[in-house]
Structures are given as structure tokens and as C-alpha cells.
């Protein structure tokens, strides 16, 4: 396993009414959406389009497992900072760590650790991450 030391990518978002329950607290499944969006924006910032990845290269990225720790409640209209960083690569699997903080007070709202794998879109069989993507992720380009 190759462990990496990269600077995290940070994506900003605001909590909308649609993200909350009747009490104005972010509904638990929305945290997964926020983490997913931050990982997608990390890739986009590095010049990796998931549409192009599938259509041009026949590859898709999927989450194998995710562990989320909820620390503090996020509420309606909170501004959140969601980080995403590649932590390790082992064969065809990649490990990411993510953190969500409230902008106003810097409190950690939730953290996530996950493993992902790239698959061939047609067969859903594991595929190695293309070198050009791996280099961008590892070098934080």
C-alpha cells in the first residue's frame, strides 16, 4: 500500500432547506451527498471529467465502503467546507479521507473515510486508475 501526503481539496457549500429535516438539521444521508460532491469537484479541479472518463475511456469510479462519523449538527443556512484528499493507493483501490467543517466557528461537523475502485463501465470489472489520473491525484495538480 502506498500512503500519500497530499494537501486536501476544499469545496464550499451552503445548507439549503431541502437538505434538512423538520427541525432544520441536515438529514443524515445528505452528508454522503456533500462528501460525494467534494470528491467530484476534486477530480474536476484536476481536469478529470467523470463523463469523459466513462464516454472516452470506458471507466467509472465507485465507492466500495464508507465510514462516516457525525460530530456536530449542521443546520439550515450553515456554510460548510468539505475537504477531500487521497490517502493511499493499494492495487486498484484508493482510500480517501474527508472532513466537513462549519465555516462560522471551524467546528468539525463530520468526517468520512472511504475506499473506492475504478471499474470498466461495460463489465464492471476492476481497472487500474490511468497513470495520468493517478499522477494528478498524487501530485495534487
Protein backbone atom coordinates (compact mmCIF):
# COMPACT_ATOMS: atom_id res chain seq x y z
CA UNK A 1 0.00 0.00 0.00
CA UNK A 2 1.30 3.43 -0.94
CA UNK A 3 0.47 6.07 1.68
CA UNK A 4 0.35 9.64 0.45
CA UNK A 5 0.76 13.09 1.93
CA UNK A 6 -1.28 15.49 -0.16
CA UNK A 7 -2.98 18.75 0.69
CA UNK A 8 -6.75 18.41 0.89
CA UNK A 9 -9.03 19.94 -1.71
CA UNK A 10 -11.77 22.07 -0.09
CA UNK A 11 -15.23 22.67 -1.54
CA UNK A 12 -17.65 25.28 -0.12
CA UNK A 13 -21.40 24.76 0.20
CA UNK A 14 -24.42 26.22 1.93
CA UNK A 15 -27.10 24.10 3.59
CA UNK A 16 -30.49 24.61 1.97
CA UNK A 17 -33.96 23.86 3.26
CA UNK A 18 -34.12 20.74 1.06
CA UNK A 19 -31.08 19.34 2.92
CA UNK A 20 -32.75 19.44 6.33
CA UNK A 21 -35.35 17.61 8.34
CA UNK A 22 -38.35 19.23 10.03
CA UNK A 23 -36.09 20.56 12.80
CA UNK A 24 -33.79 22.41 10.41
CA UNK A 25 -30.93 19.94 10.96
CA UNK A 26 -29.14 18.39 7.97
CA UNK A 27 -30.64 14.96 7.30
CA UNK A 28 -28.03 12.21 7.80
CA UNK A 29 -27.99 10.93 4.21
CA UNK A 30 -27.26 14.43 2.86
CA UNK A 31 -23.78 14.28 4.40
CA UNK A 32 -22.99 11.49 1.90
CA UNK A 33 -24.15 13.77 -0.94
CA UNK A 34 -21.92 16.58 0.31
CA UNK A 35 -18.90 14.26 0.58
CA UNK A 36 -19.58 12.89 -2.92
CA UNK A 37 -19.80 16.37 -4.41
CA UNK A 38 -16.48 17.37 -2.83
CA UNK A 39 -14.77 14.29 -4.34
CA UNK A 40 -16.30 15.08 -7.74
CA UNK A 41 -15.13 18.69 -7.50
CA UNK A 42 -11.64 17.48 -6.50
CA UNK A 43 -11.50 15.47 -9.73
CA UNK A 44 -12.93 18.33 -11.78
CA UNK A 45 -10.32 20.73 -10.33
CA UNK A 46 -7.65 18.28 -11.53
CA UNK A 47 -9.09 18.17 -15.02
CA UNK A 48 -10.83 14.81 -14.68
CA UNK A 49 -14.37 14.77 -16.07
CA UNK A 50 -16.38 11.75 -14.94
CA UNK A 51 -18.50 11.97 -18.10
CA UNK A 52 -15.40 11.95 -20.29
CA UNK A 53 -13.89 9.19 -18.17
CA UNK A 54 -16.87 6.98 -18.98
CA UNK A 55 -17.55 8.01 -22.57
CA UNK A 56 -13.94 8.28 -23.79
CA UNK A 57 -12.12 5.77 -21.58
CA UNK A 58 -14.94 3.36 -20.59
CA UNK A 59 -14.21 3.76 -16.87
CA UNK A 60 -16.29 4.65 -13.82
CA UNK A 61 -15.38 5.23 -10.18
CA UNK A 62 -17.42 3.65 -7.39
CA UNK A 63 -17.30 3.69 -3.61
CA UNK A 64 -16.62 0.30 -2.04
CA UNK A 65 -17.14 1.32 1.54
CA UNK A 66 -17.54 4.45 3.59
CA UNK A 67 -17.40 5.19 7.29
CA UNK A 68 -18.92 8.46 8.48
CA UNK A 69 -18.58 9.95 11.96
CA UNK A 70 -21.11 12.63 12.80
CA UNK A 71 -19.61 15.14 15.25
CA UNK A 72 -21.87 18.22 15.33
CA UNK A 73 -25.18 19.03 13.71
CA UNK A 74 -25.15 21.13 10.56
CA UNK A 75 -28.18 23.35 10.25
CA UNK A 76 -30.17 25.29 7.69
CA UNK A 77 -28.12 28.10 6.09
CA UNK A 78 -24.77 26.93 7.55
CA UNK A 79 -21.80 27.40 5.27
CA UNK A 80 -19.73 24.22 5.21
CA UNK A 81 -16.22 23.48 3.99
CA UNK A 82 -15.86 19.91 2.74
CA UNK A 83 -12.38 18.54 2.16
CA UNK A 84 -11.34 15.55 0.08
CA UNK A 85 -7.88 14.05 -0.11
CA UNK A 86 -6.38 10.86 -1.43
CA UNK A 87 -4.71 9.00 1.46
CA UNK A 88 -3.50 5.74 -0.08
CA UNK A 89 -3.42 3.56 -3.15
CA UNK A 90 -3.38 -0.23 -2.97
CA UNK A 91 -3.67 -2.07 -6.28
CA UNK A 92 -6.94 -0.96 -7.86
CA UNK A 93 -8.28 0.59 -4.64
CA UNK A 94 -7.88 4.15 -3.43
CA UNK A 95 -8.51 5.49 0.05
CA UNK A 96 -9.89 8.96 0.66
CA UNK A 97 -10.33 10.97 3.84
CA UNK A 98 -12.84 13.78 4.09
CA UNK A 99 -13.78 16.35 6.67
CA UNK A 100 -16.72 18.72 6.87
CA UNK A 101 -16.38 21.87 8.98
CA UNK A 102 -18.73 24.74 9.71
CA UNK A 103 -17.23 27.94 8.32
CA UNK A 104 -18.57 30.24 11.05
CA UNK A 105 -16.90 28.51 14.01
CA UNK A 106 -14.48 25.99 12.45
CA UNK A 107 -16.18 23.07 14.24
CA UNK A 108 -15.86 19.66 12.61
CA UNK A 109 -19.35 18.54 11.62
CA UNK A 110 -18.49 15.11 10.17
CA UNK A 111 -15.59 13.04 8.88
CA UNK A 112 -15.53 10.23 6.36
CA UNK A 113 -13.04 7.59 5.33
CA UNK A 114 -13.75 5.59 2.23
CA UNK A 115 -12.28 3.25 -0.29
CA UNK A 116 -13.08 3.50 -3.97
CA UNK A 117 -12.26 1.49 -7.07
CA UNK A 118 -12.27 2.22 -10.76
CA UNK A 119 -14.29 -0.19 -12.92
CA UNK A 120 -14.63 -0.87 -16.63
CA UNK A 121 -18.04 0.67 -17.36
CA UNK A 122 -19.18 -2.18 -19.63
CA UNK A 123 -18.19 -5.20 -17.50
CA UNK A 124 -18.00 -3.61 -14.02
CA UNK A 125 -14.66 -5.38 -13.54
CA UNK A 126 -11.88 -3.60 -11.60
CA UNK A 127 -9.50 -1.44 -13.60
CA UNK A 128 -6.28 0.33 -12.73
CA UNK A 129 -6.52 4.08 -12.49
CA UNK A 130 -4.93 5.52 -15.64
CA UNK A 131 -1.44 6.89 -14.96
CA UNK A 132 -2.44 10.44 -15.96
CA UNK A 133 -5.20 10.49 -13.30
CA UNK A 134 -3.08 8.85 -10.61
CA UNK A 135 -0.30 11.37 -11.21
CA UNK A 136 -2.73 14.28 -10.85
CA UNK A 137 -4.19 12.84 -7.64
CA UNK A 138 -0.81 12.04 -6.10
CA UNK A 139 0.88 15.28 -7.17
CA UNK A 140 -2.16 17.42 -6.37
CA UNK A 141 -2.06 19.04 -9.79
